[in-house]
PDB file of N, CA and C in Angstrom:
ATOM      1  N   MET A   1       0.915  -1.163   0.266  1.00  0.00           N
ATOM      2  CA  MET A   1       0.078   0.096   0.239  1.00  0.00           C
ATOM      3  C   MET A   1       0.781   1.141  -0.019  1.00  0.00           C
ATOM      4  N   LYS A   2       0.449   2.414  -0.522  1.00  0.00           N
ATOM      5  CA  LYS A   2       0.936   3.727  -0.639  1.00  0.00           C
ATOM      6  C   LYS A   2       0.068   4.727   0.237  1.00  0.00           C
ATOM      7  N   TYR A   3       0.862   5.727   0.221  1.00  0.00           N
ATOM      8  CA  TYR A   3      -0.083   6.967   0.692  1.00  0.00           C
ATOM      9  C   TYR A   3       0.306   8.386  -0.179  1.00  0.00           C
ATOM     10  N   CYS A   4      -0.831   8.668   0.018  1.00  0.00           N
ATOM     11  CA  CYS A   4      -1.003  10.373  -0.917  1.00  0.00           C
ATOM     12  C   CYS A   4       0.010  11.401  -0.221  1.00  0.00           C
ATOM     13  N   THR A   5       0.913  11.822  -1.001  1.00  0.00           N
ATOM     14  CA  THR A   5       1.770  12.787  -0.358  1.00  0.00           C
ATOM     15  C   THR A   5       1.032  14.419   0.118  1.00  0.00           C
ATOM     16  N   LYS A   6      -0.397  14.366  -0.496  1.00  0.00           N
ATOM     17  CA  LYS A   6      -1.037  15.671   0.237  1.00  0.00           C
ATOM     18  C   LYS A   6      -2.186  15.515   1.170  1.00  0.00           C
ATOM     19  N   CYS A   7      -2.770  14.528   1.095  1.00  0.00           N
ATOM     20  CA  CYS A   7      -3.857  14.171   2.374  1.00  0.00           C
ATOM     21  C   CYS A   7      -3.534  13.153   2.965  1.00  0.00           C
ATOM     22  N   GLY A   8      -2.196  12.235   2.878  1.00  0.00           N
ATOM     23  CA  GLY A   8      -2.228  10.802   3.616  1.00  0.00           C
ATOM     24  C   GLY A   8      -2.844   9.915   3.419  1.00  0.00           C
ATOM     25  N   ALA A   9      -3.867  10.053   2.616  1.00  0.00           N
ATOM     26  CA  ALA A   9      -5.150   8.503   2.305  1.00  0.00           C
ATOM     27  C   ALA A   9      -4.370   7.569   1.978  1.00  0.00           C
ATOM     28  N   GLU A  10      -4.704   6.263   2.366  1.00  0.00           N
ATOM     29  CA  GLU A  10      -4.049   5.102   1.767  1.00  0.00           C
ATOM     30  C   GLU A  10      -4.506   4.977   0.609  1.00  0.00           C
ATOM     31  N   LEU A  11      -4.038   4.504  -0.239  1.00  0.00           N
ATOM     32  CA  LEU A  11      -3.951   4.210  -1.762  1.00  0.00           C
ATOM     33  C   LEU A  11      -3.329   2.653  -1.796  1.00  0.00           C
ATOM     34  N   VAL A  12      -4.246   2.391  -3.115  1.00  0.00           N
ATOM     35  CA  VAL A  12      -3.875   0.951  -3.749  1.00  0.00           C
ATOM     36  C   VAL A  12      -2.167   1.085  -4.284  1.00  0.00           C
ATOM     37  N   ASP A  13      -1.587  -0.110  -4.536  1.00  0.00           N
ATOM     38  CA  ASP A  13      -0.774   0.246  -5.334  1.00  0.00           C
ATOM     39  C   ASP A  13      -0.408   0.827  -6.741  1.00  0.00           C
ATOM     40  N   GLU A  14      -1.137   0.432  -7.566  1.00  0.00           N
ATOM     41  CA  GLU A  14      -1.941   1.040  -8.704  1.00  0.00           C
ATOM     42  C   GLU A  14      -2.074   2.375  -8.718  1.00  0.00           C
ATOM     43  N   ALA A  15      -2.485   2.922  -7.789  1.00  0.00           N
ATOM     44  CA  ALA A  15      -2.992   4.068  -7.862  1.00  0.00           C
ATOM     45  C   ALA A  15      -2.616   5.034  -8.629  1.00  0.00           C
ATOM     46  N   VAL A  16      -2.961   6.108  -9.621  1.00  0.00           N
ATOM     47  CA  VAL A  16      -2.187   6.849 -10.208  1.00  0.00           C
ATOM     48  C   VAL A  16      -2.752   8.382  -9.763  1.00  0.00           C
ATOM     49  N   VAL A  17      -3.817   8.387  -8.936  1.00  0.00           N
ATOM     50  CA  VAL A  17      -4.567   9.589  -8.612  1.00  0.00           C
ATOM     51  C   VAL A  17      -5.393   9.168  -7.501  1.00  0.00           C
ATOM     52  N   CYS A  18      -4.966  10.082  -6.191  1.00  0.00           N
ATOM     53  CA  CYS A  18      -5.522   9.724  -4.975  1.00  0.00           C
ATOM     54  C   CYS A  18      -7.319  10.193  -5.013  1.00  0.00           C
ATOM     55  N   THR A  19      -7.791   8.898  -4.523  1.00  0.00           N
ATOM     56  CA  THR A  19      -9.354   8.846  -4.537  1.00  0.00           C
ATOM     57  C   THR A  19      -9.988   9.995  -3.503  1.00  0.00           C
ATOM     58  N   LYS A  20      -9.109  10.537  -2.803  1.00  0.00           N
ATOM     59  CA  LYS A  20     -10.179  11.244  -1.448  1.00  0.00           C
ATOM     60  C   LYS A  20      -9.618  12.856  -2.397  1.00  0.00           C
ATOM     61  N   CYS A  21      -8.474  13.102  -1.947  1.00  0.00           N
ATOM     62  CA  CYS A  21      -8.376  14.543  -2.508  1.00  0.00           C
ATOM     63  C   CYS A  21      -8.147  14.943  -4.070  1.00  0.00           C
ATOM     64  N   GLY A  22      -7.884  14.193  -5.193  1.00  0.00           N
ATOM     65  CA  GLY A  22      -7.606  13.952  -6.335  1.00  0.00           C
ATOM     66  C   GLY A  22      -6.104  14.445  -6.950  1.00  0.00           C
ATOM     67  N   CYS A  23      -5.209  14.412  -5.965  1.00  0.00           N
ATOM     68  CA  CYS A  23      -3.922  14.436  -6.422  1.00  0.00           C
ATOM     69  C   CYS A  23      -3.040  13.374  -7.046  1.00  0.00           C
ATOM     70  N   ILE A  24      -2.499  14.014  -8.099  1.00  0.00           N
ATOM     71  CA  ILE A  24      -1.637  13.235  -8.937  1.00  0.00           C
ATOM     72  C   ILE A  24      -0.539  12.482  -7.814  1.00  0.00           C
ATOM     73  N   VAL A  25      -0.512  10.934  -7.502  1.00  0.00           N
ATOM     74  CA  VAL A  25       0.261  10.752  -6.962  1.00  0.00           C
ATOM     75  C   VAL A  25       1.529   9.734  -7.384  1.00  0.00           C
ATOM     76  N   ASP A  26       1.459   9.335  -8.940  1.00  0.00           N
ATOM     77  CA  ASP A  26       2.355   8.557  -9.593  1.00  0.00           C
ATOM     78  C   ASP A  26       3.275   9.666 -10.829  1.00  0.00           C
ATOM     79  N   PRO A  27       4.619   9.729 -10.173  1.00  0.00           N
ATOM     80  CA  PRO A  27       5.005  11.081 -10.960  1.00  0.00           C
ATOM     81  C   PRO A  27       5.451  10.533 -12.241  1.00  0.00           C
ATOM     82  N   SER A  28       5.299   9.728 -12.739  1.00  0.00           N
ATOM     83  CA  SER A  28       5.541   9.182 -14.414  1.00  0.00           C
ATOM     84  C   SER A  28       4.076   9.540 -14.891  1.00  0.00           C
ATOM     85  N   PHE A  29       3.101   9.165 -14.439  1.00  0.00           N
ATOM     86  CA  PHE A  29       1.690   9.959 -14.732  1.00  0.00           C
ATOM     87  C   PHE A  29       1.709  11.092 -15.526  1.00  0.00           C
ATOM     88  N   GLN A  30       2.048  12.179 -14.164  1.00  0.00           N
ATOM     89  CA  GLN A  30       2.167  13.468 -14.501  1.00  0.00           C
ATOM     90  C   GLN A  30       3.155  14.075 -15.535  1.00  0.00           C
ATOM     91  N   MET A  31       4.377  13.167 -15.553  1.00  0.00           N
ATOM     92  CA  MET A  31       4.989  13.505 -16.595  1.00  0.00           C
ATOM     93  C   MET A  31       4.402  13.059 -18.110  1.00  0.00           C
ATOM     94  N   GLN A  32       3.510  12.180 -18.023  1.00  0.00           N
ATOM     95  CA  GLN A  32       3.086  11.663 -19.658  1.00  0.00           C
ATOM     96  C   GLN A  32       1.787  12.561 -19.848  1.00  0.00           C
ATOM     97  N   GLN A  33       1.208  13.302 -18.953  1.00  0.00           N
ATOM     98  CA  GLN A  33       0.250  14.246 -19.180  1.00  0.00           C
ATOM     99  C   GLN A  33       0.771  15.604 -19.790  1.00  0.00           C
ATOM    100  N   THR A  34       1.700  15.978 -18.980  1.00  0.00           N
ATOM    101  CA  THR A  34       2.824  17.269 -19.220  1.00  0.00           C
ATOM    102  C   THR A  34       2.839  17.065 -20.725  1.00  0.00           C
ATOM    103  N   GLN A  35       3.877  15.780 -21.128  1.00  0.00           N
ATOM    104  CA  GLN A  35       4.364  15.924 -22.685  1.00  0.00           C
ATOM    105  C   GLN A  35       2.992  16.060 -23.712  1.00  0.00           C
ATOM    106  N   LYS A  36       1.893  15.159 -23.107  1.00  0.00           N
ATOM    107  CA  LYS A  36       0.818  15.376 -24.452  1.00  0.00           C
ATOM    108  C   LYS A  36       0.246  16.634 -24.459  1.00  0.00           C
ATOM    109  N   SER A  37       0.006  17.518 -23.173  1.00  0.00           N
ATOM    110  CA  SER A  37      -0.274  18.479 -23.453  1.00  0.00           C
ATOM    111  C   SER A  37       0.651  19.497 -24.092  1.00  0.00           C
ATOM    112  N   GLU A  38       2.087  19.343 -24.020  1.00  0.00           N
ATOM    113  CA  GLU A  38       3.139  20.409 -25.300  1.00  0.00           C
ATOM    114  C   GLU A  38       2.911  19.987 -26.181  1.00  0.00           C
ATOM    115  N   LYS A  39       2.549  19.035 -26.715  1.00  0.00           N
ATOM    116  CA  LYS A  39       2.367  18.257 -28.094  1.00  0.00           C
ATOM    117  C   LYS A  39       0.922  18.775 -29.042  1.00  0.00           C
ATOM    118  N   GLU A  40       0.871  19.959 -28.806  1.00  0.00           N
ATOM    119  CA  GLU A  40      -0.863  20.350 -29.787  1.00  0.00           C
ATOM    120  C   GLU A  40      -0.381  20.340 -30.958  1.00  0.00           C
ATOM    121  N   SER A  41      -1.458  19.524 -31.772  1.00  0.00           N
ATOM    122  CA  SER A  41      -1.464  19.680 -33.265  1.00  0.00           C
ATOM    123  C   SER A  41      -1.634  20.998 -33.842  1.00  0.00           C
ATOM    124  N   THR A  42      -0.916  21.031 -35.000  1.00  0.00           N
ATOM    125  CA  THR A  42      -1.072  22.230 -35.611  1.00  0.00           C
ATOM    126  C   THR A  42      -1.789  22.215 -36.650  1.00  0.00           C
ATOM    127  N   ALA A  43      -2.573  20.869 -37.110  1.00  0.00           N
ATOM    128  CA  ALA A  43      -3.468  20.484 -38.071  1.00  0.00           C
ATOM    129  C   ALA A  43      -4.673  21.598 -38.321  1.00  0.00           C
ATOM    130  N   ILE A  44      -5.302  22.152 -37.646  1.00  0.00           N
ATOM    131  CA  ILE A  44      -6.500  23.055 -37.353  1.00  0.00           C
ATOM    132  C   ILE A  44      -5.674  24.343 -37.980  1.00  0.00           C
ATOM    133  N   GLY A  45      -4.773  24.702 -37.596  1.00  0.00           N
ATOM    134  CA  GLY A  45      -4.084  26.233 -37.876  1.00  0.00           C
ATOM    135  C   GLY A  45      -3.762  26.194 -39.423  1.00  0.00           C
ATOM    136  N   ILE A  46      -3.132  25.225 -39.644  1.00  0.00           N
ATOM    137  CA  ILE A  46      -2.560  24.660 -40.991  1.00  0.00           C
ATOM    138  C   ILE A  46      -3.781  25.011 -42.056  1.00  0.00           C
ATOM    139  N   LEU A  47      -4.854  24.099 -41.604  1.00  0.00           N
ATOM    140  CA  LEU A  47      -5.915  23.815 -42.592  1.00  0.00           C
ATOM    141  C   LEU A  47      -6.757  25.100 -42.799  1.00  0.00           C
ATOM    142  N   ALA A  48      -6.812  26.025 -41.254  1.00  0.00           N
ATOM    143  CA  ALA A  48      -7.400  27.331 -41.421  1.00  0.00           C
ATOM    144  C   ALA A  48      -6.940  28.207 -42.559  1.00  0.00           C
ATOM    145  N   ILE A  49      -5.466  28.268 -42.774  1.00  0.00           N
ATOM    146  CA  ILE A  49      -4.925  28.910 -43.545  1.00  0.00           C
ATOM    147  C   ILE A  49      -5.188  28.661 -45.316  1.00  0.00           C
ATOM    148  N   VAL A  50      -5.054  27.184 -45.457  1.00  0.00           N
ATOM    149  CA  VAL A  50      -5.232  26.430 -46.347  1.00  0.00           C
ATOM    150  C   VAL A  50      -6.606  27.281 -47.066  1.00  0.00           C
ATOM    151  N   PHE A  51      -7.712  26.953 -46.145  1.00  0.00           N
ATOM    152  CA  PHE A  51      -9.289  27.270 -46.765  1.00  0.00           C
ATOM    153  C   PHE A  51      -9.697  28.977 -46.594  1.00  0.00           C
ATOM    154  N   GLY A  52      -8.732  29.327 -45.641  1.00  0.00           N
ATOM    155  CA  GLY A  52      -9.058  30.672 -45.442  1.00  0.00           C
ATOM    156  C   GLY A  52      -8.104  31.225 -47.086  1.00  0.00           C
ATOM    157  N   ALA A  53      -6.961  30.998 -47.350  1.00  0.00           N
ATOM    158  CA  ALA A  53      -6.617  31.271 -48.757  1.00  0.00           C
ATOM    159  C   ALA A  53      -7.611  31.063 -49.798  1.00  0.00           C
ATOM    160  N   LEU A  54      -8.374  29.737 -49.446  1.00  0.00           N
ATOM    161  CA  LEU A  54      -9.243  29.532 -50.812  1.00  0.00           C
ATOM    162  C   LEU A  54     -10.794  30.137 -50.652  1.00  0.00           C
ATOM    163  N   GLY A  55     -10.969  31.037 -49.809  1.00  0.00           N
ATOM    164  CA  GLY A  55     -12.259  31.796 -49.724  1.00  0.00           C
ATOM    165  C   GLY A  55     -13.389  30.719 -49.313  1.00  0.00           C
ATOM    166  N   GLY A  56     -13.100  29.687 -48.499  1.00  0.00           N
ATOM    167  CA  GLY A  56     -14.125  28.766 -47.968  1.00  0.00           C
ATOM    168  C   GLY A  56     -14.678  29.455 -46.729  1.00  0.00           C
ATOM    169  N   ILE A  57     -15.973  28.868 -46.438  1.00  0.00           N
ATOM    170  CA  ILE A  57     -16.652  28.974 -45.222  1.00  0.00           C
ATOM    171  C   ILE A  57     -15.849  28.140 -43.880  1.00  0.00           C
ATOM    172  N   VAL A  58     -15.272  26.856 -44.580  1.00  0.00           N
ATOM    173  CA  VAL A  58     -14.575  26.228 -43.760  1.00  0.00           C
ATOM    174  C   VAL A  58     -13.356  26.922 -43.229  1.00  0.00           C
ATOM    175  N   GLY A  59     -12.681  27.342 -43.851  1.00  0.00           N
ATOM    176  CA  GLY A  59     -11.591  28.482 -43.288  1.00  0.00           C
ATOM    177  C   GLY A  59     -12.253  29.202 -41.875  1.00  0.00           C
ATOM    178  N   LEU A  60     -13.105  29.581 -42.267  1.00  0.00           N
ATOM    179  CA  LEU A  60     -13.644  30.723 -41.169  1.00  0.00           C
ATOM    180  C   LEU A  60     -13.828  29.833 -39.896  1.00  0.00           C
ATOM    181  N   ILE A  61     -14.579  28.772 -40.106  1.00  0.00           N
ATOM    182  CA  ILE A  61     -15.156  27.703 -38.949  1.00  0.00           C
ATOM    183  C   ILE A  61     -13.893  27.387 -38.324  1.00  0.00           C
ATOM    184  N   LEU A  62     -12.709  26.875 -39.162  1.00  0.00           N
ATOM    185  CA  LEU A  62     -11.615  25.913 -38.536  1.00  0.00           C
ATOM    186  C   LEU A  62     -10.727  27.398 -37.987  1.00  0.00           C
ATOM    187  N   SER A  63     -10.678  28.442 -38.056  1.00  0.00           N
ATOM    188  CA  SER A  63     -10.231  29.561 -37.854  1.00  0.00           C
ATOM    189  C   SER A  63     -10.573  29.854 -36.417  1.00  0.00           C
ATOM    190  N   ILE A  64     -11.884  29.675 -36.137  1.00  0.00           N
ATOM    191  CA  ILE A  64     -12.470  30.426 -35.036  1.00  0.00           C
ATOM    192  C   ILE A  64     -12.435  29.189 -34.166  1.00  0.00           C
ATOM    193  N   VAL A  65     -12.674  27.742 -34.485  1.00  0.00           N
ATOM    194  CA  VAL A  65     -12.121  26.594 -33.465  1.00  0.00           C
ATOM    195  C   VAL A  65     -10.831  26.313 -33.051  1.00  0.00           C
ATOM    196  N   GLY A  66     -10.269  26.820 -33.728  1.00  0.00           N
ATOM    197  CA  GLY A  66      -8.452  26.988 -33.353  1.00  0.00           C
ATOM    198  C   GLY A  66      -8.285  27.772 -32.161  1.00  0.00           C
ATOM    199  N   ILE A  67      -8.758  29.226 -32.690  1.00  0.00           N
ATOM    200  CA  ILE A  67      -8.523  30.544 -31.949  1.00  0.00           C
ATOM    201  C   ILE A  67      -9.000  30.179 -30.178  1.00  0.00           C
ATOM    202  N   CYS A  68     -10.197  28.815 -30.281  1.00  0.00           N
ATOM    203  CA  CYS A  68     -10.825  28.600 -29.078  1.00  0.00           C
ATOM    204  C   CYS A  68      -9.865  27.733 -28.279  1.00  0.00           C
ATOM    205  N   ILE A  69      -9.257  26.632 -28.850  1.00  0.00           N
ATOM    206  CA  ILE A  69      -8.909  25.515 -28.496  1.00  0.00           C
ATOM    207  C   ILE A  69      -7.229  25.301 -28.447  1.00  0.00           C
ATOM    208  N   TYR A  70      -6.558  26.382 -29.263  1.00  0.00           N
ATOM    209  CA  TYR A  70      -5.024  26.247 -29.155  1.00  0.00           C
ATOM    210  C   TYR A  70      -4.702  27.187 -28.015  1.00  0.00           C
ATOM    211  N   LYS A  71      -3.755  26.906 -27.243  1.00  0.00           N
ATOM    212  CA  LYS A  71      -2.919  27.636 -26.093  1.00  0.00           C
ATOM    213  C   LYS A  71      -1.635  28.164 -26.465  1.00  0.00           C
ATOM    214  N   GLU A  72      -1.056  27.470 -27.728  1.00  0.00           N
ATOM    215  CA  GLU A  72       0.470  27.951 -28.054  1.00  0.00           C
ATOM    216  C   GLU A  72       0.061  29.063 -28.926  1.00  0.00           C
ATOM    217  N   PRO A  73       0.921  30.346 -28.641  1.00  0.00           N
ATOM    218  CA  PRO A  73       0.860  31.316 -29.614  1.00  0.00           C
ATOM    219  C   PRO A  73       1.163  31.164 -31.114  1.00  0.00           C
ATOM    220  N   ALA A  74       1.812  30.297 -31.455  1.00  0.00           N
ATOM    221  CA  ALA A  74       2.144  29.965 -33.062  1.00  0.00           C
ATOM    222  C   ALA A  74       0.796  29.392 -33.602  1.00  0.00           C
ATOM    223  N   ASN A  75       0.437  28.172 -32.858  1.00  0.00           N
ATOM    224  CA  ASN A  75      -1.023  27.699 -33.261  1.00  0.00           C
ATOM    225  C   ASN A  75      -2.312  28.842 -33.303  1.00  0.00           C
ATOM    226  N   ARG A  76      -2.214  29.519 -32.521  1.00  0.00           N
ATOM    227  CA  ARG A  76      -3.028  30.586 -32.792  1.00  0.00           C
ATOM    228  C   ARG A  76      -3.001  31.275 -33.809  1.00  0.00           C
ATOM    229  N   ARG A  77      -1.514  32.092 -33.688  1.00  0.00           N
ATOM    230  CA  ARG A  77      -1.192  32.625 -35.348  1.00  0.00           C
ATOM    231  C   ARG A  77      -1.784  32.696 -36.261  1.00  0.00           C
ATOM    232  N   ASN A  78      -1.578  31.011 -36.480  1.00  0.00           N
ATOM    233  CA  ASN A  78      -1.905  30.204 -37.515  1.00  0.00           C
ATOM    234  C   ASN A  78      -3.398  30.756 -37.959  1.00  0.00           C
ATOM    235  N   CYS A  79      -4.124  30.392 -36.801  1.00  0.00           N
ATOM    236  CA  CYS A  79      -5.663  30.731 -37.145  1.00  0.00           C
ATOM    237  C   CYS A  79      -5.966  32.010 -37.671  1.00  0.00           C
ATOM    238  N   TYR A  80      -5.404  32.903 -36.717  1.00  0.00           N
ATOM    239  CA  TYR A  80      -5.662  34.308 -37.136  1.00  0.00           C
ATOM    240  C   TYR A  80      -5.184  34.723 -38.446  1.00  0.00           C
ATOM    241  N   ILE A  81      -4.270  33.985 -39.034  1.00  0.00           N
ATOM    242  CA  ILE A  81      -3.749  34.375 -40.228  1.00  0.00           C
ATOM    243  C   ILE A  81      -5.152  33.526 -41.490  1.00  0.00           C
ATOM    244  N   GLY A  82      -5.464  32.507 -40.916  1.00  0.00           N
ATOM    245  CA  GLY A  82      -6.701  31.815 -41.504  1.00  0.00           C
ATOM    246  C   GLY A  82      -7.650  32.712 -41.493  1.00  0.00           C
ATOM    247  N   LEU A  83      -7.848  33.368 -40.365  1.00  0.00           N
ATOM    248  CA  LEU A  83      -9.442  34.334 -40.184  1.00  0.00           C
ATOM    249  C   LEU A  83      -9.484  35.573 -41.150  1.00  0.00           C
ATOM    250  N   GLY A  84      -7.648  35.949 -41.052  1.00  0.00           N
ATOM    251  CA  GLY A  84      -7.335  37.223 -42.088  1.00  0.00           C
ATOM    252  C   GLY A  84      -7.669  36.994 -43.673  1.00  0.00           C
ATOM    253  N   LEU A  85      -7.475  35.821 -43.732  1.00  0.00           N
ATOM    254  CA  LEU A  85      -7.383  35.429 -45.314  1.00  0.00           C
ATOM    255  C   LEU A  85      -8.879  35.045 -45.690  1.00  0.00           C
ATOM    256  N   PHE A  86      -9.537  34.671 -44.887  1.00  0.00           N
ATOM    257  CA  PHE A  86     -10.776  34.502 -45.105  1.00  0.00           C
ATOM    258  C   PHE A  86     -11.726  36.041 -45.146  1.00  0.00           C
ATOM    259  N   ILE A  87     -11.277  36.655 -44.332  1.00  0.00           N
ATOM    260  CA  ILE A  87     -12.243  38.137 -44.298  1.00  0.00           C
ATOM    261  C   ILE A  87     -11.649  38.779 -45.457  1.00  0.00           C
ATOM    262  N   ALA A  88     -10.081  39.008 -46.160  1.00  0.00           N
ATOM    263  CA  ALA A  88      -9.855  39.424 -47.396  1.00  0.00           C
ATOM    264  C   ALA A  88     -10.694  39.128 -48.564  1.00  0.00           C
ATOM    265  N   TRP A  89     -10.863  37.519 -48.277  1.00  0.00           N
ATOM    266  CA  TRP A  89     -11.911  37.335 -49.740  1.00  0.00           C
ATOM    267  C   TRP A  89     -12.840  38.033 -49.429  1.00  0.00           C
ATOM    268  N   ILE A  90     -13.688  38.292 -48.360  1.00  0.00           N
ATOM    269  CA  ILE A  90     -15.084  38.602 -48.189  1.00  0.00           C
ATOM    270  C   ILE A  90     -15.104  40.127 -48.964  1.00  0.00           C
ATOM    271  N   PHE A  91     -13.912  40.912 -48.241  1.00  0.00           N
ATOM    272  CA  PHE A  91     -13.601  42.422 -48.983  1.00  0.00           C
ATOM    273  C   PHE A  91     -13.791  42.063 -50.432  1.00  0.00           C
ATOM    274  N   ILE A  92     -12.978  40.938 -50.863  1.00  0.00           N
ATOM    275  CA  ILE A  92     -12.487  41.151 -52.860  1.00  0.00           C
ATOM    276  C   ILE A  92     -13.977  40.873 -53.253  1.00  0.00           C
ATOM    277  N   PHE A  93     -14.471  40.118 -52.734  1.00  0.00           N
ATOM    278  CA  PHE A  93     -16.373  39.408 -53.338  1.00  0.00           C
ATOM    279  C   PHE A  93     -16.960  40.858 -53.396  1.00  0.00           C
ATOM    280  N   ILE A  94     -16.933  41.297 -52.073  1.00  0.00           N
ATOM    281  CA  ILE A  94     -17.923  42.667 -52.067  1.00  0.00           C
ATOM    282  C   ILE A  94     -17.384  43.898 -53.148  1.00  0.00           C
ATOM    283  N   ILE A  95     -16.244  44.131 -53.562  1.00  0.00           N
ATOM    284  CA  ILE A  95     -15.788  45.279 -54.040  1.00  0.00           C
ATOM    285  C   ILE A  95     -15.959  44.382 -55.923  1.00  0.00           C
ATOM    286  N   TYR A  96     -15.892  43.210 -56.179  1.00  0.00           N
ATOM    287  CA  TYR A  96     -16.090  42.226 -57.224  1.00  0.00           C
ATOM    288  C   TYR A  96     -17.306  42.500 -57.430  1.00  0.00           C
ATOM    289  N   TYR A  97     -18.581  42.004 -56.993  1.00  0.00           N
ATOM    290  CA  TYR A  97     -19.988  42.456 -57.119  1.00  0.00           C
ATOM    291  C   TYR A  97     -20.302  43.613 -57.070  1.00  0.00           C
ATOM    292  N   ALA A  98     -19.683  44.930 -56.169  1.00  0.00           N
ATOM    293  CA  ALA A  98     -20.453  46.246 -56.571  1.00  0.00           C
ATOM    294  C   ALA A  98     -19.843  46.685 -57.725  1.00  0.00           C
ATOM    295  N   VAL A  99     -18.502  46.053 -58.374  1.00  0.00           N
ATOM    296  CA  VAL A  99     -18.318  46.584 -59.512  1.00  0.00           C
ATOM    297  C   VAL A  99     -19.045  46.214 -60.986  1.00  0.00           C
ATOM    298  N   ILE A 100     -19.457  44.908 -60.573  1.00  0.00           N
ATOM    299  CA  ILE A 100     -20.462  44.321 -61.395  1.00  0.00           C
ATOM    300  C   ILE A 100     -21.997  45.278 -61.364  1.00  0.00           C
ATOM    301  N   ILE A 101     -22.382  44.776 -59.886  1.00  0.00           N
ATOM    302  CA  ILE A 101     -24.068  45.800 -60.140  1.00  0.00           C
ATOM    303  C   ILE A 101     -23.840  47.330 -60.737  1.00  0.00           C
ATOM    304  N   SER A 102     -22.452  48.379 -60.364  1.00  0.00           N
ATOM    305  CA  SER A 102     -22.592  49.325 -61.046  1.00  0.00           C
ATOM    306  C   SER A 102     -22.642  49.126 -62.442  1.00  0.00           C
ATOM    307  N   THR A 103     -22.246  48.086 -63.468  1.00  0.00           N
ATOM    308  CA  THR A 103     -21.731  48.567 -64.670  1.00  0.00           C
ATOM    309  C   THR A 103     -23.039  47.523 -65.154  1.00  0.00           C
ATOM    310  N   LEU A 104     -24.015  46.901 -64.592  1.00  0.00           N
ATOM    311  CA  LEU A 104     -25.256  46.393 -64.853  1.00  0.00           C
ATOM    312  C   LEU A 104     -26.317  47.684 -65.618  1.00  0.00           C
ATOM    313  N   GLY A 105     -26.071  48.760 -65.190  1.00  0.00           N
ATOM    314  CA  GLY A 105     -27.219  49.932 -65.460  1.00  0.00           C
ATOM    315  C   GLY A 105     -26.585  50.774 -66.655  1.00  0.00           C
ATOM    316  N   THR A 106     -25.186  50.692 -67.160  1.00  0.00           N
ATOM    317  CA  THR A 106     -24.791  50.893 -68.597  1.00  0.00           C
ATOM    318  C   THR A 106     -25.185  50.397 -69.601  1.00  0.00           C
ATOM    319  N   THR A 107     -25.522  51.049 -70.506  1.00  0.00           N
ATOM    320  CA  THR A 107     -25.557  50.082 -72.039  1.00  0.00           C
ATOM    321  C   THR A 107     -24.287  50.027 -73.006  1.00  0.00           C
ATOM    322  N   ILE A 108     -24.272  49.385 -73.423  1.00  0.00           N
ATOM    323  CA  ILE A 108     -23.013  49.232 -74.504  1.00  0.00           C
ATOM    324  C   ILE A 108     -23.226  49.631 -75.723  1.00  0.00           C
ATOM    325  N   PRO A 109     -23.003  50.654 -76.430  1.00  0.00           N
ATOM    326  CA  PRO A 109     -23.163  51.173 -77.491  1.00  0.00           C
ATOM    327  C   PRO A 109     -22.671  50.012 -78.742  1.00  0.00           C
ATOM    328  N   TYR A 110     -23.643  49.996 -79.686  1.00  0.00           N
ATOM    329  CA  TYR A 110     -23.596  48.928 -80.907  1.00  0.00           C
ATOM    330  C   TYR A 110     -23.118  49.668 -81.882  1.00  0.00           C
ATOM    331  N   TYR A 111     -22.050  49.493 -82.787  1.00  0.00           N
ATOM    332  CA  TYR A 111     -21.512  50.322 -83.804  1.00  0.00           C
ATOM    333  C   TYR A 111     -21.471  49.391 -84.986  1.00  0.00           C
TER     334      TYR A 111
END
């Protein structure tokens, strides 16, 4: 039997977390959890840039999701880039359609 270092509760030998206070009692388990949290996937940020550059709504969605879930600044920056690219496409489409609408009222002379 082993004991919790925080509250002193008696634990089984295979215990990783104290059942009384929730403290992690196995240092190797804590190291594994730290290593997992350090390795954030960059997939959402990269996909946000790709789809944002293509002007798709998927880029907007991935950017927002990535901004909400990522903790590392580099990954969040990728999501902001994807969001910026999507917004740039929106402005391009607005200007494009404004030009098309403004030319609809003009007549083309026939010679």
